[in-house]
Amino acid sequence: MAREAKLSQSAVSRIWRAFGLQPHRQETFKLSTDPHFVEKTRDIVGLYMDPPVKAMVLCVDEKSQIQALDRTQPMLPLAPGIAERRTHDYERHGTTTLFAALDIATGKVIGELHRRHRSSEFLKFLRTIEASVPSDLDIHLVMDNYGTHKTLTIRRWFARHPRFKVHFTPTSASWLNQVERWFATLTEKQIRRGTHRSTRQLEDAIRAYLKINNTEPKPFIWTKSADAILASIERFCLRISNSGH
């Protein structure tokens, strides 16, 4: 750039620092094209910030294809001035799927593991939720638009269980589902740092994390209103529409 602009490298560096430019960094984004994005966002954020009385709000999703991975060589523990080290390659020992429902009020998680990821397994999990929630409470489920959530069998089951109220997130807006943040914490603290020589070991590790989480649960606190979210998206859209690309 310095050669093309006929400036010195130090001058280019000073300009980048002055305007906060970091051309070596890249981030990704995806805007939802859901025609009901505004209505769905207001609905879900309203549940978070003003939950209904005599009801439990659960954020539900599946973390599918969790791999049981074992490093090809033993991990080297950290030492003074040396970070923990592990091999970049690994051996696969099977996969599992975690179905999870996060209670936004308490931070507790109802979890269930299955080797397959179909509507039949999701139906089993719905029955687990039904058995776990006191019968005098309505159940509001925040879910994404994955196909297993909308099969005819699932729709008929919801019709027979009117205390379940379903709230679908907009397409390409999984960030509205709080359980996604919990999945990220599970990955960071339990799955990624572990070695699992079988699917059973992986599932035992996940169950152990669920137990620890539910012993001392910590709910996520949603602070951004729907109006603030929509205003932020509006500013972003205006900026990229005038970018000249």
Protein backbone atom coordinates (compact mmCIF):
# COMPACT_ATOMS: atom_id res chain seq x y z
CA MET A 1 0.00 0.00 0.00
CA ALA A 2 2.86 2.35 0.80
CA ARG A 3 4.29 1.82 -2.68
CA GLU A 4 0.93 2.34 -4.42
CA ALA A 5 0.14 5.48 -2.38
CA LYS A 6 3.72 6.73 -2.72
CA LEU A 7 4.07 7.06 1.05
CA SER A 8 6.51 5.64 3.55
CA GLN A 9 5.59 2.53 5.52
CA SER A 10 5.69 4.52 8.77
CA ALA A 11 3.23 7.06 7.32
CA VAL A 12 0.80 4.27 6.38
CA SER A 13 1.13 2.79 9.88
CA ARG A 14 0.42 6.18 11.49
CA ILE A 15 -2.71 6.62 9.35
CA TRP A 16 -3.98 3.14 10.23
CA ARG A 17 -3.45 3.80 13.94
CA ALA A 18 -5.08 7.24 13.77
CA PHE A 19 -8.27 5.85 12.21
CA GLY A 20 -8.29 2.52 14.03
CA LEU A 21 -7.83 0.54 10.80
CA GLN A 22 -6.73 -3.11 11.06
CA PRO A 23 -6.62 -4.49 7.48
CA HIS A 24 -5.07 -7.77 8.63
CA ARG A 25 -8.27 -8.69 10.50
CA GLN A 26 -11.48 -10.07 9.05
CA GLU A 27 -14.84 -10.91 10.53
CA THR A 28 -17.92 -12.59 9.11
CA PHE A 29 -21.56 -11.56 9.27
CA LYS A 30 -24.92 -12.74 8.01
CA LEU A 31 -28.10 -10.70 8.08
CA SER A 32 -31.37 -12.52 8.48
CA THR A 33 -33.73 -12.37 5.51
CA ASP A 34 -36.69 -13.61 7.54
CA PRO A 35 -39.73 -11.48 6.55
CA HIS A 36 -40.93 -11.68 10.17
CA PHE A 37 -37.57 -10.79 11.70
CA VAL A 38 -38.85 -7.75 13.61
CA GLU A 39 -41.88 -9.52 15.09
CA LYS A 40 -39.88 -12.60 16.12
CA THR A 41 -37.11 -10.51 17.65
CA ARG A 42 -39.55 -8.47 19.72
CA ASP A 43 -41.33 -11.66 20.81
CA ILE A 44 -38.20 -13.46 22.02
CA VAL A 45 -36.49 -10.45 23.60
CA GLY A 46 -39.78 -9.72 25.37
CA LEU A 47 -39.68 -13.21 26.88
CA TYR A 48 -36.15 -12.59 28.12
CA MET A 49 -36.72 -9.15 29.60
CA ASP A 50 -40.28 -9.61 30.87
CA PRO A 51 -40.96 -13.34 31.34
CA PRO A 52 -44.60 -14.41 31.72
CA VAL A 53 -45.90 -15.33 35.17
CA LYS A 54 -46.61 -18.95 36.09
CA ALA A 55 -44.44 -20.09 33.22
CA MET A 56 -40.93 -21.33 32.49
CA VAL A 57 -38.98 -20.00 29.52
CA LEU A 58 -36.60 -22.59 28.06
CA CYS A 59 -34.08 -22.01 25.28
CA VAL A 60 -33.88 -25.30 23.39
CA ASP A 61 -31.49 -26.62 20.78
CA GLU A 62 -29.28 -29.56 19.85
CA LYS A 63 -25.50 -29.62 19.72
CA SER A 64 -25.14 -32.32 17.11
CA GLN A 65 -22.17 -34.34 15.87
CA ILE A 66 -20.02 -33.74 18.95
CA GLN A 67 -16.85 -35.68 18.19
CA ALA A 68 -14.99 -37.88 20.66
CA LEU A 69 -11.41 -36.89 19.83
CA ASP A 70 -8.13 -38.24 21.16
CA ARG A 71 -4.82 -36.53 20.37
CA THR A 72 -2.26 -38.67 18.59
CA GLN A 73 0.38 -37.89 21.25
CA PRO A 74 0.12 -37.02 24.96
CA MET A 75 -0.59 -33.39 25.77
CA LEU A 76 2.28 -31.38 27.26
CA PRO A 77 1.15 -29.45 30.36
CA LEU A 78 1.91 -25.79 30.89
CA ALA A 79 5.18 -24.75 32.50
CA PRO A 80 6.63 -21.38 33.57
CA GLY A 81 6.70 -19.28 30.41
CA ILE A 82 5.38 -22.14 28.24
CA ALA A 83 1.77 -22.59 27.21
CA GLU A 84 -0.04 -25.93 27.26
CA ARG A 85 0.71 -27.79 24.03
CA ARG A 86 -1.14 -30.45 22.10
CA THR A 87 -0.83 -32.05 18.68
CA HIS A 88 -2.82 -30.49 15.85
CA ASP A 89 -4.00 -33.90 14.62
CA TYR A 90 -6.34 -36.33 16.35
CA GLU A 91 -8.17 -39.63 16.09
CA ARG A 92 -11.97 -39.79 15.93
CA HIS A 93 -13.87 -42.22 18.15
CA GLY A 94 -17.51 -41.56 17.30
CA THR A 95 -20.05 -38.78 17.78
CA THR A 96 -23.00 -37.93 19.98
CA THR A 97 -25.73 -35.27 20.16
CA LEU A 98 -26.69 -33.20 23.18
CA PHE A 99 -30.29 -31.98 23.44
CA ALA A 100 -30.43 -29.09 25.91
CA ALA A 101 -33.03 -26.74 27.41
CA LEU A 102 -31.71 -23.72 29.31
CA ASP A 103 -33.97 -22.18 31.96
CA ILE A 104 -33.37 -18.45 31.50
CA ALA A 105 -34.47 -17.64 35.06
CA THR A 106 -32.10 -19.98 36.92
CA GLY A 107 -29.43 -21.04 34.44
CA LYS A 108 -30.19 -24.72 35.00
CA VAL A 109 -30.07 -27.00 31.97
CA ILE A 110 -32.16 -30.04 31.16
CA GLY A 111 -29.87 -32.22 29.04
CA GLU A 112 -30.21 -35.51 27.23
CA LEU A 113 -27.75 -37.38 25.02
CA HIS A 114 -28.63 -39.41 21.94
CA ARG A 115 -26.46 -41.06 19.32
CA ARG A 116 -28.78 -39.93 16.53
CA HIS A 117 -30.38 -36.61 15.68
CA ARG A 118 -33.92 -37.07 14.36
CA SER A 119 -37.40 -35.88 15.22
CA SER A 120 -37.93 -39.11 17.21
CA GLU A 121 -35.03 -38.21 19.51
CA PHE A 122 -36.33 -34.65 19.78
CA LEU A 123 -39.75 -36.00 20.75
CA LYS A 124 -38.14 -38.06 23.54
CA PHE A 125 -36.47 -34.88 24.76
CA LEU A 126 -39.77 -32.98 24.75
CA ARG A 127 -41.23 -35.70 26.96
CA THR A 128 -38.24 -35.30 29.29
CA ILE A 129 -38.92 -31.57 29.49
CA GLU A 130 -42.59 -32.21 30.21
CA ALA A 131 -41.69 -34.57 33.07
CA SER A 132 -39.09 -32.13 34.48
CA VAL A 133 -41.25 -28.99 34.63
CA PRO A 134 -43.94 -28.70 37.33
CA SER A 135 -47.39 -29.38 35.88
CA ASP A 136 -48.82 -26.03 37.01
CA LEU A 137 -46.43 -24.04 34.79
CA ASP A 138 -46.75 -23.18 31.13
CA ILE A 139 -43.63 -23.89 29.06
CA HIS A 140 -42.34 -21.35 26.53
CA LEU A 141 -39.77 -22.85 24.16
CA VAL A 142 -37.36 -20.68 22.18
CA MET A 143 -36.16 -22.75 19.22
CA ASP A 144 -34.62 -22.35 15.79
CA ASN A 145 -36.14 -23.47 12.49
CA TYR A 146 -34.34 -26.80 12.18
CA GLY A 147 -36.37 -29.45 10.36
CA THR A 148 -36.66 -31.83 13.35
CA HIS A 149 -38.56 -29.10 15.23
CA LYS A 150 -41.30 -28.82 12.62
CA THR A 151 -42.16 -32.34 11.50
CA LEU A 152 -45.80 -33.43 11.44
CA THR A 153 -45.20 -35.69 14.46
CA ILE A 154 -43.80 -32.81 16.50
CA ARG A 155 -46.59 -30.43 15.47
CA ARG A 156 -49.22 -32.98 16.47
CA TRP A 157 -47.49 -33.52 19.81
CA PHE A 158 -47.53 -29.77 20.54
CA ALA A 159 -51.23 -29.66 19.60
CA ARG A 160 -51.93 -32.34 22.23
CA HIS A 161 -49.89 -30.45 24.87
CA PRO A 162 -51.26 -26.90 24.95
CA ARG A 163 -49.09 -25.76 27.86
CA PHE A 164 -46.14 -25.72 25.42
CA LYS A 165 -45.83 -22.37 23.62
CA VAL A 166 -43.28 -22.33 20.79
CA HIS A 167 -41.32 -19.22 19.78
CA PHE A 168 -39.16 -19.65 16.68
CA THR A 169 -36.09 -17.48 16.21
CA PRO A 170 -35.72 -15.69 12.86
CA THR A 171 -33.74 -17.59 10.24
CA SER A 172 -29.96 -16.98 10.47
CA ALA A 173 -30.40 -15.49 13.95
CA SER A 174 -29.27 -18.23 16.32
CA TRP A 175 -27.61 -15.52 18.47
CA LEU A 176 -31.09 -14.83 19.86
CA ASN A 177 -31.14 -18.28 21.49
CA GLN A 178 -29.36 -18.15 24.85
CA VAL A 179 -28.59 -21.88 24.86
CA GLU A 180 -26.12 -21.24 22.01
CA ARG A 181 -24.00 -19.24 24.46
CA TRP A 182 -24.19 -22.15 26.92
CA PHE A 183 -23.07 -24.56 24.20
CA ALA A 184 -20.05 -22.33 23.56
CA THR A 185 -19.13 -22.45 27.26
CA LEU A 186 -19.49 -26.24 27.28
CA THR A 187 -17.13 -26.48 24.31
CA GLU A 188 -14.56 -24.10 25.80
CA LYS A 189 -14.46 -25.55 29.29
CA GLN A 190 -15.13 -29.25 28.82
CA ILE A 191 -15.03 -30.62 25.29
CA ARG A 192 -12.19 -28.81 23.53
CA ARG A 193 -9.66 -29.24 26.34
CA GLY A 194 -10.44 -32.92 26.87
CA THR A 195 -9.36 -36.15 25.21
CA HIS A 196 -11.98 -38.84 24.73
CA ARG A 197 -11.09 -42.33 23.56
CA SER A 198 -14.72 -43.39 23.10
CA THR A 199 -18.17 -41.90 22.70
CA ARG A 200 -19.02 -43.11 26.19
CA GLN A 201 -16.11 -41.11 27.67
CA LEU A 202 -17.31 -38.02 25.81
CA GLU A 203 -20.87 -38.48 27.06
CA ASP A 204 -19.65 -39.00 30.64
CA ALA A 205 -17.71 -35.72 30.38
CA ILE A 206 -20.80 -33.87 29.14
CA ARG A 207 -22.96 -35.34 31.91
CA ALA A 208 -20.34 -34.29 34.47
CA TYR A 209 -20.45 -30.72 33.14
CA LEU A 210 -24.26 -30.71 33.28
CA LYS A 211 -24.10 -31.79 36.92
CA ILE A 212 -21.57 -29.08 37.79
CA ASN A 213 -23.63 -26.46 35.96
CA ASN A 214 -26.84 -27.39 37.74
CA THR A 215 -25.17 -27.49 41.15
CA GLU A 216 -24.24 -23.81 40.92
CA PRO A 217 -26.21 -22.43 37.94
CA LYS A 218 -25.63 -18.91 36.69
CA PRO A 219 -28.23 -17.46 34.31
CA PHE A 220 -27.26 -15.18 31.46
CA ILE A 221 -28.58 -11.64 31.87
CA TRP A 222 -30.11 -10.24 28.68
CA THR A 223 -29.65 -6.47 28.65
CA LYS A 224 -30.29 -5.27 25.09
CA SER A 225 -33.86 -4.32 24.22
CA ALA A 226 -35.48 -5.19 20.91
CA ASP A 227 -35.46 -1.51 19.94
CA ALA A 228 -31.71 -1.30 20.57
CA ILE A 229 -31.07 -4.44 18.52
CA LEU A 230 -33.14 -3.20 15.60
CA ALA A 231 -31.52 0.24 15.73
CA SER A 232 -28.06 -1.36 15.66
CA ILE A 233 -28.99 -3.47 12.63
CA GLU A 234 -30.42 -0.38 10.90
CA ARG A 235 -27.14 1.51 11.40
CA PHE A 236 -25.17 -1.45 10.05
CA CYS A 237 -27.41 -1.76 6.98
CA LEU A 238 -27.09 1.96 6.25
CA ARG A 239 -23.31 1.73 6.53
CA ILE A 240 -22.90 -1.23 4.18
CA SER A 241 -25.48 0.11 1.68
CA ASN A 242 -23.33 3.23 1.26
CA SER A 243 -20.00 1.41 1.15
CA GLY A 244 -19.78 1.36 -2.65
CA HIS A 245 -19.32 -2.43 -2.88
